[in-house]
Amino acid sequence: VAAYTRSQECVEQMRLAFERRRDLI
């Protein structure tokens, strides 16, 4: 419930990290 109803900033931070790693690999 907290994951879905609170700030989604953490989701975007992780997405950006995955994108950087995608580019690297």
PDB file of all heavy atoms in Angstrom:
ATOM      1  N   VAL A   1       0.849  -1.204   0.000  1.00  0.00           N
ATOM      2  CA  VAL A   1       0.000   0.000   0.000  1.00  0.00           C
ATOM      3  C   VAL A   1       0.876   1.242   0.000  1.00  0.00           C
ATOM      4  O   VAL A   1       0.641   2.195  -0.764  1.00  0.00           O
ATOM      5  CB  VAL A   1      -0.958   0.010   1.220  1.00  0.00           C
ATOM      6  CG1 VAL A   1      -1.679   1.359   1.322  1.00  0.00           C
ATOM      7  CG2 VAL A   1      -1.975  -1.111   1.110  1.00  0.00           C
ATOM      8  N   ALA A   2       1.902   1.251   0.839  1.00  0.00           N
ATOM      9  CA  ALA A   2       2.822   2.399   0.888  1.00  0.00           C
ATOM     10  C   ALA A   2       3.560   2.561  -0.439  1.00  0.00           C
ATOM     11  O   ALA A   2       3.765   3.681  -0.923  1.00  0.00           O
ATOM     12  CB  ALA A   2       3.823   2.224   2.033  1.00  0.00           C
ATOM     13  N   ALA A   3       3.932   1.432  -1.045  1.00  0.00           N
ATOM     14  CA  ALA A   3       4.636   1.501  -2.334  1.00  0.00           C
ATOM     15  C   ALA A   3       3.778   2.199  -3.382  1.00  0.00           C
ATOM     16  O   ALA A   3       4.263   3.079  -4.116  1.00  0.00           O
ATOM     17  CB  ALA A   3       5.001   0.089  -2.807  1.00  0.00           C
ATOM     18  N   TYR A   4       2.505   1.846  -3.439  1.00  0.00           N
ATOM     19  CA  TYR A   4       1.639   2.389  -4.485  1.00  0.00           C
ATOM     20  C   TYR A   4       1.124   3.791  -4.191  1.00  0.00           C
ATOM     21  O   TYR A   4       0.837   4.547  -5.131  1.00  0.00           O
ATOM     22  CB  TYR A   4       0.443   1.453  -4.719  1.00  0.00           C
ATOM     23  CG  TYR A   4       0.796   0.229  -5.529  1.00  0.00           C
ATOM     24  CD1 TYR A   4       0.502  -1.054  -5.068  1.00  0.00           C
ATOM     25  CD2 TYR A   4       1.423   0.343  -6.770  1.00  0.00           C
ATOM     26  CE1 TYR A   4       0.821  -2.183  -5.817  1.00  0.00           C
ATOM     27  CE2 TYR A   4       1.750  -0.778  -7.517  1.00  0.00           C
ATOM     28  CZ  TYR A   4       1.449  -2.036  -7.033  1.00  0.00           C
ATOM     29  OH  TYR A   4       1.782  -3.143  -7.779  1.00  0.00           O
ATOM     30  N   THR A   5       0.983   4.155  -2.912  1.00  0.00           N
ATOM     31  CA  THR A   5       0.316   5.429  -2.590  1.00  0.00           C
ATOM     32  C   THR A   5       1.260   6.552  -2.226  1.00  0.00           C
ATOM     33  O   THR A   5       0.861   7.710  -2.234  1.00  0.00           O
ATOM     34  CB  THR A   5      -0.687   5.235  -1.433  1.00  0.00           C
ATOM     35  OG1 THR A   5       0.018   4.746  -0.280  1.00  0.00           O
ATOM     36  CG2 THR A   5      -1.785   4.255  -1.808  1.00  0.00           C
ATOM     37  N   ARG A   6       2.512   6.243  -1.934  1.00  0.00           N
ATOM     38  CA  ARG A   6       3.451   7.288  -1.532  1.00  0.00           C
ATOM     39  C   ARG A   6       4.294   7.725  -2.734  1.00  0.00           C
ATOM     40  O   ARG A   6       4.073   7.303  -3.862  1.00  0.00           O
ATOM     41  CB  ARG A   6       4.341   6.774  -0.387  1.00  0.00           C
ATOM     42  CG  ARG A   6       3.549   6.267   0.822  1.00  0.00           C
ATOM     43  CD  ARG A   6       3.278   7.341   1.851  1.00  0.00           C
ATOM     44  NE  ARG A   6       4.506   7.748   2.510  1.00  0.00           N
ATOM     45  CZ  ARG A   6       5.082   7.077   3.513  1.00  0.00           C
ATOM     46  NH1 ARG A   6       4.537   5.961   3.975  1.00  0.00           N
ATOM     47  NH2 ARG A   6       6.196   7.523   4.056  1.00  0.00           N
ATOM     48  N   SER A   7       5.298   8.538  -2.486  1.00  0.00           N
ATOM     49  CA  SER A   7       6.143   9.096  -3.553  1.00  0.00           C
ATOM     50  C   SER A   7       6.730   8.003  -4.451  1.00  0.00           C
ATOM     51  O   SER A   7       7.165   6.951  -3.966  1.00  0.00           O
ATOM     52  CB  SER A   7       7.293   9.896  -2.932  1.00  0.00           C
ATOM     53  OG  SER A   7       8.262  10.203  -3.913  1.00  0.00           O
ATOM     54  N   GLN A   8       6.714   8.273  -5.751  1.00  0.00           N
ATOM     55  CA  GLN A   8       7.265   7.334  -6.739  1.00  0.00           C
ATOM     56  C   GLN A   8       8.699   7.700  -7.143  1.00  0.00           C
ATOM     57  O   GLN A   8       9.241   7.135  -8.106  1.00  0.00           O
ATOM     58  CB  GLN A   8       6.366   7.292  -7.975  1.00  0.00           C
ATOM     59  CG  GLN A   8       4.927   6.880  -7.674  1.00  0.00           C
ATOM     60  CD  GLN A   8       4.821   5.495  -7.066  1.00  0.00           C
ATOM     61  OE1 GLN A   8       5.178   4.505  -7.699  1.00  0.00           O
ATOM     62  NE2 GLN A   8       4.330   5.411  -5.821  1.00  0.00           N
ATOM     63  N   GLU A   9       9.312   8.595  -6.403  1.00  0.00           N
ATOM     64  CA  GLU A   9      10.671   9.051  -6.737  1.00  0.00           C
ATOM     65  C   GLU A   9      11.661   7.883  -6.720  1.00  0.00           C
ATOM     66  O   GLU A   9      12.569   7.810  -7.547  1.00  0.00           O
ATOM     67  CB  GLU A   9      11.108  10.134  -5.742  1.00  0.00           C
ATOM     68  CG  GLU A   9      12.406  10.827  -6.127  1.00  0.00           C
ATOM     69  CD  GLU A   9      12.861  11.833  -5.071  1.00  0.00           C
ATOM     70  OE1 GLU A   9      12.037  12.284  -4.263  1.00  0.00           O
ATOM     71  OE2 GLU A   9      14.069  12.163  -5.074  1.00  0.00           O
ATOM     72  N   CYS A  10      11.474   6.950  -5.775  1.00  0.00           N
ATOM     73  CA  CYS A  10      12.392   5.811  -5.667  1.00  0.00           C
ATOM     74  C   CYS A  10      12.359   4.955  -6.936  1.00  0.00           C
ATOM     75  O   CYS A  10      13.387   4.415  -7.369  1.00  0.00           O
ATOM     76  CB  CYS A  10      12.051   4.961  -4.454  1.00  0.00           C
ATOM     77  SG  CYS A  10      10.345   4.324  -4.436  1.00  0.00           S
ATOM     78  N   VAL A  11      11.180   4.850  -7.550  1.00  0.00           N
ATOM     79  CA  VAL A  11      11.026   4.051  -8.769  1.00  0.00           C
ATOM     80  C   VAL A  11      11.852   4.670  -9.894  1.00  0.00           C
ATOM     81  O   VAL A  11      12.569   3.972 -10.620  1.00  0.00           O
ATOM     82  CB  VAL A  11       9.539   3.967  -9.179  1.00  0.00           C
ATOM     83  CG1 VAL A  11       9.374   3.203 -10.484  1.00  0.00           C
ATOM     84  CG2 VAL A  11       8.725   3.308  -8.075  1.00  0.00           C
ATOM     85  N   GLU A  12      11.772   5.983 -10.012  1.00  0.00           N
ATOM     86  CA  GLU A  12      12.508   6.684 -11.065  1.00  0.00           C
ATOM     87  C   GLU A  12      14.015   6.619 -10.825  1.00  0.00           C
ATOM     88  O   GLU A  12      14.797   6.456 -11.772  1.00  0.00           O
ATOM     89  CB  GLU A  12      12.030   8.135 -11.167  1.00  0.00           C
ATOM     90  CG  GLU A  12      12.765   8.990 -12.196  1.00  0.00           C
ATOM     91  CD  GLU A  12      12.660   8.487 -13.641  1.00  0.00           C
ATOM     92  OE1 GLU A  12      11.885   7.558 -13.932  1.00  0.00           O
ATOM     93  OE2 GLU A  12      13.376   9.049 -14.491  1.00  0.00           O
ATOM     94  N   GLN A  13      14.427   6.713  -9.573  1.00  0.00           N
ATOM     95  CA  GLN A  13      15.867   6.635  -9.267  1.00  0.00           C
ATOM     96  C   GLN A  13      16.435   5.278  -9.681  1.00  0.00           C
ATOM     97  O   GLN A  13      17.513   5.193 -10.277  1.00  0.00           O
ATOM     98  CB  GLN A  13      16.099   6.869  -7.768  1.00  0.00           C
ATOM     99  CG  GLN A  13      15.949   8.313  -7.345  1.00  0.00           C
ATOM    100  CD  GLN A  13      16.034   8.492  -5.836  1.00  0.00           C
ATOM    101  OE1 GLN A  13      15.965   7.524  -5.068  1.00  0.00           O
ATOM    102  NE2 GLN A  13      16.169   9.729  -5.389  1.00  0.00           N
ATOM    103  N   MET A  14      15.683   4.215  -9.374  1.00  0.00           N
ATOM    104  CA  MET A  14      16.144   2.876  -9.747  1.00  0.00           C
ATOM    105  C   MET A  14      16.118   2.699 -11.262  1.00  0.00           C
ATOM    106  O   MET A  14      17.029   2.101 -11.845  1.00  0.00           O
ATOM    107  CB  MET A  14      15.307   1.803  -9.046  1.00  0.00           C
ATOM    108  CG  MET A  14      15.604   1.695  -7.559  1.00  0.00           C
ATOM    109  SD  MET A  14      14.783   0.309  -6.733  1.00  0.00           S
ATOM    110  CE  MET A  14      13.219   1.028  -6.271  1.00  0.00           C
ATOM    111  N   ARG A  15      15.089   3.247 -11.915  1.00  0.00           N
ATOM    112  CA  ARG A  15      14.999   3.145 -13.377  1.00  0.00           C
ATOM    113  C   ARG A  15      16.208   3.806 -14.041  1.00  0.00           C
ATOM    114  O   ARG A  15      16.788   3.257 -14.981  1.00  0.00           O
ATOM    115  CB  ARG A  15      13.705   3.796 -13.876  1.00  0.00           C
ATOM    116  CG  ARG A  15      13.412   3.534 -15.364  1.00  0.00           C
ATOM    117  CD  ARG A  15      12.410   4.514 -15.931  1.00  0.00           C
ATOM    118  NE  ARG A  15      12.978   5.852 -16.023  1.00  0.00           N
ATOM    119  CZ  ARG A  15      13.788   6.264 -17.010  1.00  0.00           C
ATOM    120  NH1 ARG A  15      14.134   5.446 -17.975  1.00  0.00           N
ATOM    121  NH2 ARG A  15      14.259   7.503 -17.013  1.00  0.00           N
ATOM    122  N   LEU A  16      16.582   4.969 -13.523  1.00  0.00           N
ATOM    123  CA  LEU A  16      17.740   5.676 -14.081  1.00  0.00           C
ATOM    124  C   LEU A  16      19.023   4.866 -13.899  1.00  0.00           C
ATOM    125  O   LEU A  16      19.875   4.818 -14.786  1.00  0.00           O
ATOM    126  CB  LEU A  16      17.889   7.055 -13.429  1.00  0.00           C
ATOM    127  CG  LEU A  16      16.847   8.101 -13.854  1.00  0.00           C
ATOM    128  CD1 LEU A  16      16.910   9.332 -12.959  1.00  0.00           C
ATOM    129  CD2 LEU A  16      17.049   8.497 -15.316  1.00  0.00           C
ATOM    130  N   ALA A  17      19.154   4.220 -12.747  1.00  0.00           N
ATOM    131  CA  ALA A  17      20.335   3.373 -12.503  1.00  0.00           C
ATOM    132  C   ALA A  17      20.354   2.190 -13.471  1.00  0.00           C
ATOM    133  O   ALA A  17      21.405   1.854 -14.031  1.00  0.00           O
ATOM    134  CB  ALA A  17      20.341   2.887 -11.060  1.00  0.00           C
ATOM    135  N   PHE A  18      19.197   1.571 -13.677  1.00  0.00           N
ATOM    136  CA  PHE A  18      19.123   0.452 -14.618  1.00  0.00           C
ATOM    137  C   PHE A  18      19.445   0.905 -16.038  1.00  0.00           C
ATOM    138  O   PHE A  18      20.098   0.189 -16.796  1.00  0.00           O
ATOM    139  CB  PHE A  18      17.735  -0.196 -14.586  1.00  0.00           C
ATOM    140  CG  PHE A  18      17.474  -1.035 -13.361  1.00  0.00           C
ATOM    141  CD1 PHE A  18      16.300  -0.883 -12.635  1.00  0.00           C
ATOM    142  CD2 PHE A  18      18.392  -1.987 -12.941  1.00  0.00           C
ATOM    143  CE1 PHE A  18      16.048  -1.660 -11.512  1.00  0.00           C
ATOM    144  CE2 PHE A  18      18.151  -2.776 -11.822  1.00  0.00           C
ATOM    145  CZ  PHE A  18      16.972  -2.608 -11.101  1.00  0.00           C
ATOM    146  N   GLU A  19      18.994   2.099 -16.389  1.00  0.00           N
ATOM    147  CA  GLU A  19      19.270   2.610 -17.741  1.00  0.00           C
ATOM    148  C   GLU A  19      20.770   2.826 -17.938  1.00  0.00           C
ATOM    149  O   GLU A  19      21.327   2.494 -18.992  1.00  0.00           O
ATOM    150  CB  GLU A  19      18.505   3.911 -17.981  1.00  0.00           C
ATOM    151  CG  GLU A  19      18.621   4.396 -19.423  1.00  0.00           C
ATOM    152  CD  GLU A  19      17.650   5.519 -19.751  1.00  0.00           C
ATOM    153  OE1 GLU A  19      17.152   6.185 -18.818  1.00  0.00           O
ATOM    154  OE2 GLU A  19      17.387   5.722 -20.947  1.00  0.00           O
ATOM    155  N   ARG A  20      21.416   3.376 -16.915  1.00  0.00           N
ATOM    156  CA  ARG A  20      22.870   3.573 -16.995  1.00  0.00           C
ATOM    157  C   ARG A  20      23.582   2.232 -17.146  1.00  0.00           C
ATOM    158  O   ARG A  20      24.512   2.083 -17.948  1.00  0.00           O
ATOM    159  CB  ARG A  20      23.356   4.293 -15.720  1.00  0.00           C
ATOM    160  CG  ARG A  20      24.838   4.670 -15.760  1.00  0.00           C
ATOM    161  CD  ARG A  20      25.344   5.173 -14.421  1.00  0.00           C
ATOM    162  NE  ARG A  20      25.405   4.103 -13.426  1.00  0.00           N
ATOM    163  CZ  ARG A  20      24.665   4.068 -12.330  1.00  0.00           C
ATOM    164  NH1 ARG A  20      23.790   5.025 -12.062  1.00  0.00           N
ATOM    165  NH2 ARG A  20      24.797   3.060 -11.480  1.00  0.00           N
ATOM    166  N   ARG A  21      23.135   1.240 -16.384  1.00  0.00           N
ATOM    167  CA  ARG A  21      23.747  -0.086 -16.461  1.00  0.00           C
ATOM    168  C   ARG A  21      23.467  -0.743 -17.812  1.00  0.00           C
ATOM    169  O   ARG A  21      24.330  -1.458 -18.345  1.00  0.00           O
ATOM    170  CB  ARG A  21      23.206  -0.977 -15.334  1.00  0.00           C
ATOM    171  CG  ARG A  21      23.621  -0.508 -13.949  1.00  0.00           C
ATOM    172  CD  ARG A  21      22.787  -1.210 -12.899  1.00  0.00           C
ATOM    173  NE  ARG A  21      23.166  -0.858 -11.552  1.00  0.00           N
ATOM    174  CZ  ARG A  21      22.602  -1.392 -10.468  1.00  0.00           C
ATOM    175  NH1 ARG A  21      21.641  -2.291 -10.611  1.00  0.00           N
ATOM    176  NH2 ARG A  21      22.983  -1.026  -9.264  1.00  0.00           N
ATOM    177  N   ARG A  22      22.270  -0.527 -18.336  1.00  0.00           N
ATOM    178  CA  ARG A  22      21.940  -1.039 -19.674  1.00  0.00           C
ATOM    179  C   ARG A  22      22.948  -0.506 -20.691  1.00  0.00           C
ATOM    180  O   ARG A  22      23.506  -1.257 -21.502  1.00  0.00           O
ATOM    181  CB  ARG A  22      20.505  -0.610 -20.042  1.00  0.00           C
ATOM    182  CG  ARG A  22      19.932  -1.169 -21.355  1.00  0.00           C
ATOM    183  CD  ARG A  22      20.248  -0.380 -22.610  1.00  0.00           C
ATOM    184  NE  ARG A  22      19.992   1.035 -22.550  1.00  0.00           N
ATOM    185  CZ  ARG A  22      18.942   1.654 -23.093  1.00  0.00           C
ATOM    186  NH1 ARG A  22      18.021   0.955 -23.701  1.00  0.00           N
ATOM    187  NH2 ARG A  22      18.830   2.983 -23.037  1.00  0.00           N
ATOM    188  N   ASP A  23      23.160   0.801 -20.646  1.00  0.00           N
ATOM    189  CA  ASP A  23      24.103   1.416 -21.589  1.00  0.00           C
ATOM    190  C   ASP A  23      25.509   0.834 -21.422  1.00  0.00           C
ATOM    191  O   ASP A  23      26.210   0.587 -22.411  1.00  0.00           O
ATOM    192  CB  ASP A  23      24.137   2.933 -21.396  1.00  0.00           C
ATOM    193  CG  ASP A  23      22.824   3.600 -21.777  1.00  0.00           C
ATOM    194  OD1 ASP A  23      22.013   2.955 -22.471  1.00  0.00           O
ATOM    195  OD2 ASP A  23      22.603   4.760 -21.372  1.00  0.00           O
ATOM    196  N   LEU A  24      25.899   0.598 -20.169  1.00  0.00           N
ATOM    197  CA  LEU A  24      27.237   0.073 -19.876  1.00  0.00           C
ATOM    198  C   LEU A  24      27.399  -1.353 -20.407  1.00  0.00           C
ATOM    199  O   LEU A  24      28.368  -1.654 -21.114  1.00  0.00           O
ATOM    200  CB  LEU A  24      27.483   0.114 -18.358  1.00  0.00           C
ATOM    201  CG  LEU A  24      28.787  -0.533 -17.855  1.00  0.00           C
ATOM    202  CD1 LEU A  24      30.005   0.217 -18.411  1.00  0.00           C
ATOM    203  CD2 LEU A  24      28.829  -0.543 -16.318  1.00  0.00           C
ATOM    204  N   ILE A  25      26.438  -2.233 -20.109  1.00  0.00           N
ATOM    205  CA  ILE A  25      26.587  -3.637 -20.503  1.00  0.00           C
ATOM    206  C   ILE A  25      26.471  -3.805 -22.017  1.00  0.00           C
ATOM    207  O   ILE A  25      27.170  -4.623 -22.618  1.00  0.00           O
ATOM    208  CB  ILE A  25      25.595  -4.545 -19.743  1.00  0.00           C
ATOM    209  CG1 ILE A  25      26.079  -6.008 -19.801  1.00  0.00           C
ATOM    210  CG2 ILE A  25      24.171  -4.422 -20.276  1.00  0.00           C
ATOM    211  CD1 ILE A  25      25.353  -6.946 -18.849  1.00  0.00           C
TER     212      ILE A  25
END
